Amino acid sequence: MKIRMLLAAVALVWSSGALANHCPLDMKAIDEALSKNPQLSAAQLAEVKKYRAEGEALHNAGKHDQSVETLGKAMKILGIQ
């Protein structure tokens, strides 16, 4: 039982670290896509920029799972896989 709890704790710590490293990669991909002047409407471009800023703020606040989710919305609009 103690081993399971220890493994669960290790998995939780490891996964949060993985997400923390994922956020900057997503932000970089969004920035690169924006630098290529994608064919987006003004509303879509505003949404992407809003999600990008929110994602960075969430990342800086240590809320990496929410950051990845928010950045994913921007990436979806941009067509980034």
N, C-alpha and C. Protein backbone atom coordinates (compact mmCIF):
# COMPACT_ATOMS: atom_id res chain seq x y z
N MET A 1 0.82 -1.18 0.00
CA MET A 1 0.00 0.00 0.00
C MET A 1 0.88 1.27 0.00
N LYS A 2 1.92 1.28 0.82
CA LYS A 2 2.80 2.44 0.88
C LYS A 2 3.53 2.64 -0.45
N ILE A 3 3.88 1.54 -1.08
CA ILE A 3 4.58 1.63 -2.37
C ILE A 3 3.67 2.27 -3.41
N ARG A 4 2.40 1.88 -3.43
CA ARG A 4 1.45 2.47 -4.39
C ARG A 4 1.31 3.97 -4.17
N MET A 5 1.23 4.37 -2.92
CA MET A 5 1.10 5.79 -2.61
C MET A 5 2.36 6.55 -3.04
N LEU A 6 3.51 5.96 -2.82
CA LEU A 6 4.77 6.57 -3.22
C LEU A 6 4.84 6.69 -4.74
N LEU A 7 4.46 5.62 -5.45
CA LEU A 7 4.48 5.65 -6.90
C LEU A 7 3.51 6.69 -7.44
N ALA A 8 2.34 6.80 -6.83
CA ALA A 8 1.36 7.81 -7.25
C ALA A 8 1.91 9.22 -7.05
N ALA A 9 2.58 9.45 -5.94
CA ALA A 9 3.16 10.76 -5.67
C ALA A 9 4.26 11.09 -6.68
N VAL A 10 5.10 10.11 -6.97
CA VAL A 10 6.17 10.31 -7.95
C VAL A 10 5.59 10.60 -9.32
N ALA A 11 4.56 9.87 -9.70
CA ALA A 11 3.92 10.09 -11.00
C ALA A 11 3.32 11.49 -11.08
N LEU A 12 2.71 11.95 -10.01
CA LEU A 12 2.12 13.27 -10.00
C LEU A 12 3.18 14.36 -10.16
N VAL A 13 4.26 14.23 -9.44
CA VAL A 13 5.34 15.21 -9.53
C VAL A 13 5.96 15.18 -10.92
N TRP A 14 6.19 14.01 -11.46
CA TRP A 14 6.79 13.88 -12.78
C TRP A 14 5.90 14.46 -13.85
N SER A 15 4.58 14.20 -13.78
CA SER A 15 3.68 14.69 -14.82
C SER A 15 3.57 16.21 -14.78
N SER A 16 3.58 16.82 -13.62
CA SER A 16 3.52 18.28 -13.56
C SER A 16 4.77 18.89 -14.16
N GLY A 17 5.91 18.26 -13.97
CA GLY A 17 7.15 18.73 -14.58
C GLY A 17 7.12 18.60 -16.09
N ALA A 18 6.52 17.54 -16.57
CA ALA A 18 6.41 17.35 -18.01
C ALA A 18 5.53 18.42 -18.63
N LEU A 19 4.44 18.75 -17.96
CA LEU A 19 3.56 19.80 -18.47
C LEU A 19 4.26 21.15 -18.43
N ALA A 20 5.04 21.39 -17.41
CA ALA A 20 5.75 22.67 -17.29
C ALA A 20 6.69 22.86 -18.47
N ASN A 21 7.30 21.78 -18.94
CA ASN A 21 8.20 21.86 -20.08
C ASN A 21 7.44 21.93 -21.40
N HIS A 22 6.21 21.51 -21.40
CA HIS A 22 5.41 21.49 -22.62
C HIS A 22 4.91 22.88 -22.98
N CYS A 23 4.58 23.69 -21.99
CA CYS A 23 4.02 25.03 -22.22
C CYS A 23 4.93 25.89 -23.11
N PRO A 24 6.23 26.01 -22.79
CA PRO A 24 7.09 26.84 -23.61
C PRO A 24 7.18 26.35 -25.07
N LEU A 25 7.12 25.05 -25.26
CA LEU A 25 7.13 24.52 -26.62
C LEU A 25 5.88 24.93 -27.39
N ASP A 26 4.75 24.88 -26.71
CA ASP A 26 3.50 25.30 -27.35
C ASP A 26 3.53 26.79 -27.66
N MET A 27 4.02 27.59 -26.73
CA MET A 27 4.11 29.03 -26.95
C MET A 27 5.02 29.34 -28.13
N LYS A 28 6.12 28.63 -28.22
CA LYS A 28 7.06 28.83 -29.33
C LYS A 28 6.39 28.47 -30.66
N ALA A 29 5.65 27.37 -30.69
CA ALA A 29 4.97 26.95 -31.92
C ALA A 29 3.93 28.00 -32.34
N ILE A 30 3.21 28.55 -31.38
CA ILE A 30 2.22 29.59 -31.67
C ILE A 30 2.92 30.83 -32.21
N ASP A 31 3.99 31.24 -31.57
CA ASP A 31 4.73 32.43 -32.01
C ASP A 31 5.28 32.25 -33.42
N GLU A 32 5.79 31.06 -33.71
CA GLU A 32 6.31 30.79 -35.05
C GLU A 32 5.20 30.85 -36.09
N ALA A 33 4.05 30.28 -35.76
CA ALA A 33 2.93 30.32 -36.70
C ALA A 33 2.45 31.75 -36.92
N LEU A 34 2.40 32.54 -35.86
CA LEU A 34 1.98 33.94 -36.00
C LEU A 34 2.97 34.76 -36.82
N SER A 35 4.24 34.43 -36.74
CA SER A 35 5.26 35.17 -37.50
C SER A 35 5.13 34.95 -39.01
N LYS A 36 4.42 33.91 -39.40
CA LYS A 36 4.22 33.60 -40.81
C LYS A 36 2.95 34.23 -41.37
N ASN A 37 2.35 35.15 -40.60
CA ASN A 37 1.12 35.84 -41.01
C ASN A 37 0.06 34.89 -41.54
N PRO A 38 -0.49 34.06 -40.67
CA PRO A 38 -1.49 33.08 -41.11
C PRO A 38 -2.76 33.77 -41.62
N GLN A 39 -3.46 33.08 -42.48
CA GLN A 39 -4.70 33.59 -43.05
C GLN A 39 -5.83 33.39 -42.05
N LEU A 40 -5.98 34.33 -41.14
CA LEU A 40 -7.01 34.28 -40.11
C LEU A 40 -7.83 35.56 -40.17
N SER A 41 -9.06 35.45 -39.75
CA SER A 41 -9.88 36.66 -39.63
C SER A 41 -9.35 37.48 -38.45
N ALA A 42 -9.78 38.72 -38.37
CA ALA A 42 -9.35 39.57 -37.26
C ALA A 42 -9.80 38.98 -35.93
N ALA A 43 -11.00 38.41 -35.92
CA ALA A 43 -11.52 37.79 -34.69
C ALA A 43 -10.70 36.58 -34.29
N GLN A 44 -10.33 35.74 -35.27
CA GLN A 44 -9.51 34.57 -34.97
C GLN A 44 -8.14 34.98 -34.46
N LEU A 45 -7.55 35.98 -35.09
CA LEU A 45 -6.23 36.45 -34.67
C LEU A 45 -6.28 36.99 -33.24
N ALA A 46 -7.34 37.72 -32.92
CA ALA A 46 -7.50 38.24 -31.57
C ALA A 46 -7.66 37.11 -30.57
N GLU A 47 -8.39 36.06 -30.95
CA GLU A 47 -8.57 34.90 -30.06
C GLU A 47 -7.24 34.20 -29.80
N VAL A 48 -6.47 34.00 -30.87
CA VAL A 48 -5.17 33.33 -30.74
C VAL A 48 -4.27 34.12 -29.80
N LYS A 49 -4.22 35.42 -29.99
CA LYS A 49 -3.37 36.25 -29.14
C LYS A 49 -3.84 36.23 -27.69
N LYS A 50 -5.16 36.22 -27.49
CA LYS A 50 -5.72 36.16 -26.13
C LYS A 50 -5.34 34.84 -25.47
N TYR A 51 -5.53 33.72 -26.18
CA TYR A 51 -5.20 32.41 -25.63
C TYR A 51 -3.71 32.28 -25.37
N ARG A 52 -2.90 32.85 -26.24
CA ARG A 52 -1.43 32.80 -26.07
C ARG A 52 -1.03 33.52 -24.79
N ALA A 53 -1.59 34.71 -24.59
CA ALA A 53 -1.27 35.49 -23.39
C ALA A 53 -1.79 34.81 -22.12
N GLU A 54 -3.01 34.28 -22.19
CA GLU A 54 -3.57 33.58 -21.02
C GLU A 54 -2.76 32.33 -20.70
N GLY A 55 -2.34 31.61 -21.74
CA GLY A 55 -1.54 30.41 -21.54
C GLY A 55 -0.22 30.70 -20.87
N GLU A 56 0.43 31.79 -21.27
CA GLU A 56 1.70 32.16 -20.65
C GLU A 56 1.49 32.57 -19.19
N ALA A 57 0.42 33.32 -18.93
CA ALA A 57 0.13 33.73 -17.56
C ALA A 57 -0.14 32.52 -16.67
N LEU A 58 -0.89 31.56 -17.18
CA LEU A 58 -1.17 30.34 -16.42
C LEU A 58 0.12 29.55 -16.17
N HIS A 59 0.97 29.47 -17.18
CA HIS A 59 2.26 28.78 -17.04
C HIS A 59 3.08 29.44 -15.94
N ASN A 60 3.16 30.77 -15.98
CA ASN A 60 3.95 31.50 -14.98
C ASN A 60 3.38 31.36 -13.58
N ALA A 61 2.07 31.11 -13.50
CA ALA A 61 1.41 30.91 -12.20
C ALA A 61 1.52 29.47 -11.73
N GLY A 62 2.16 28.61 -12.52
CA GLY A 62 2.33 27.21 -12.14
C GLY A 62 1.13 26.33 -12.45
N LYS A 63 0.19 26.85 -13.22
CA LYS A 63 -1.03 26.10 -13.57
C LYS A 63 -0.83 25.50 -14.97
N HIS A 64 0.05 24.51 -15.03
CA HIS A 64 0.49 24.00 -16.31
C HIS A 64 -0.57 23.22 -17.08
N ASP A 65 -1.41 22.49 -16.38
CA ASP A 65 -2.45 21.76 -17.09
C ASP A 65 -3.43 22.73 -17.75
N GLN A 66 -3.77 23.80 -17.05
CA GLN A 66 -4.66 24.81 -17.63
C GLN A 66 -3.96 25.56 -18.75
N SER A 67 -2.67 25.79 -18.60
CA SER A 67 -1.90 26.47 -19.62
C SER A 67 -1.88 25.66 -20.92
N VAL A 68 -1.60 24.38 -20.81
CA VAL A 68 -1.57 23.52 -21.99
C VAL A 68 -2.93 23.50 -22.67
N GLU A 69 -3.99 23.45 -21.89
CA GLU A 69 -5.34 23.45 -22.45
C GLU A 69 -5.63 24.76 -23.18
N THR A 70 -5.28 25.88 -22.58
CA THR A 70 -5.53 27.18 -23.18
C THR A 70 -4.68 27.38 -24.43
N LEU A 71 -3.41 27.03 -24.36
CA LEU A 71 -2.55 27.14 -25.52
C LEU A 71 -3.03 26.22 -26.64
N GLY A 72 -3.61 25.09 -26.28
CA GLY A 72 -4.16 24.16 -27.27
C GLY A 72 -5.28 24.79 -28.08
N LYS A 73 -6.05 25.66 -27.46
CA LYS A 73 -7.13 26.36 -28.18
C LYS A 73 -6.54 27.26 -29.26
N ALA A 74 -5.46 27.97 -28.92
CA ALA A 74 -4.79 28.81 -29.91
C ALA A 74 -4.21 27.97 -31.03
N MET A 75 -3.60 26.85 -30.65
CA MET A 75 -2.98 25.99 -31.65
C MET A 75 -4.03 25.40 -32.59
N LYS A 76 -5.19 25.09 -32.07
CA LYS A 76 -6.27 24.54 -32.90
C LYS A 76 -6.70 25.56 -33.94
N ILE A 77 -6.85 26.80 -33.53
CA ILE A 77 -7.24 27.86 -34.48
C ILE A 77 -6.19 28.00 -35.56
N LEU A 78 -4.92 27.90 -35.17
CA LEU A 78 -3.82 28.03 -36.12
C LEU A 78 -3.59 26.78 -36.95
N GLY A 79 -4.23 25.70 -36.60
CA GLY A 79 -4.05 24.44 -37.33
C GLY A 79 -2.77 23.72 -36.98
N ILE A 80 -2.25 23.96 -35.78
CA ILE A 80 -1.02 23.31 -35.33
C ILE A 80 -1.42 22.00 -34.66
N GLN A 81 -0.74 20.94 -35.05
CA GLN A 81 -1.02 19.62 -34.49
C GLN A 81 -0.41 19.46 -33.14
